[in-house]
Amino acid sequence: MRALLTRFVDDEAGATAIEYALVAGGISIVIVTVVGGIGSSLSGTFASVSTSLK
């Protein structure tokens, strides 16, 4: 039982997966923020073009 507990504590595979998940989560937050900003800017541009065509 002691060997099993020692092996469990020394195993770092789960820590690596958590690190990758945190990096992926951070990147996805940045992507959502950038796309949201570009969408707002693009919406304003289309509204401006639409009013100038009328």
Protein backbone atom coordinates (compact mmCIF):
# COMPACT_ATOMS: atom_id res chain seq x y z
CA MET A 1 0.00 0.00 0.00
CA ARG A 2 2.84 2.35 0.83
CA ALA A 3 4.41 1.78 -2.62
CA LEU A 4 1.10 2.60 -4.29
CA LEU A 5 0.76 5.84 -2.33
CA THR A 6 4.36 6.82 -3.12
CA ARG A 7 3.83 6.14 -6.81
CA PHE A 8 0.63 8.22 -6.79
CA VAL A 9 2.35 11.20 -5.13
CA ASP A 10 5.34 11.03 -7.52
CA ASP A 11 3.20 10.82 -10.66
CA GLU A 12 3.26 14.16 -12.51
CA ALA A 13 1.15 13.23 -15.54
CA GLY A 14 -1.94 14.91 -14.10
CA ALA A 15 -0.02 18.10 -13.37
CA THR A 16 1.10 18.29 -17.00
CA ALA A 17 -2.47 17.86 -18.23
CA ILE A 18 -3.65 20.63 -15.89
CA GLU A 19 -0.90 22.94 -17.17
CA TYR A 20 -1.94 22.30 -20.77
CA ALA A 21 -5.58 22.95 -19.85
CA LEU A 22 -4.66 26.28 -18.22
CA VAL A 23 -2.66 27.35 -21.28
CA ALA A 24 -5.50 26.36 -23.63
CA GLY A 25 -8.00 28.22 -21.45
CA GLY A 26 -5.87 31.37 -21.47
CA ILE A 27 -5.46 31.25 -25.23
CA SER A 28 -9.20 30.77 -25.74
CA ILE A 29 -9.98 33.78 -23.52
CA VAL A 30 -7.61 35.92 -25.60
CA ILE A 31 -9.18 34.69 -28.85
CA VAL A 32 -12.72 35.42 -27.63
CA THR A 33 -11.71 38.92 -26.50
CA VAL A 34 -9.97 39.76 -29.78
CA VAL A 35 -12.80 38.41 -31.93
CA GLY A 36 -15.34 40.34 -29.84
CA GLY A 37 -13.39 43.58 -30.33
CA ILE A 38 -13.02 43.02 -34.06
CA GLY A 39 -16.73 42.19 -34.32
CA SER A 40 -17.72 45.46 -32.65
CA SER A 41 -15.39 47.44 -34.88
CA LEU A 42 -16.60 45.66 -37.99
CA SER A 43 -20.23 46.19 -37.02
CA GLY A 44 -19.59 49.93 -36.73
CA THR A 45 -17.93 49.97 -40.13
CA PHE A 46 -20.85 48.15 -41.77
CA ALA A 47 -23.33 50.53 -40.12
CA SER A 48 -21.34 53.51 -41.43
CA VAL A 49 -21.26 52.09 -44.96
CA SER A 50 -24.97 51.26 -44.78
CA THR A 51 -25.96 54.80 -43.77
CA SER A 52 -23.74 56.33 -46.44
CA LEU A 53 -25.36 54.17 -49.14
CA LYS A 54 -28.90 55.24 -48.19
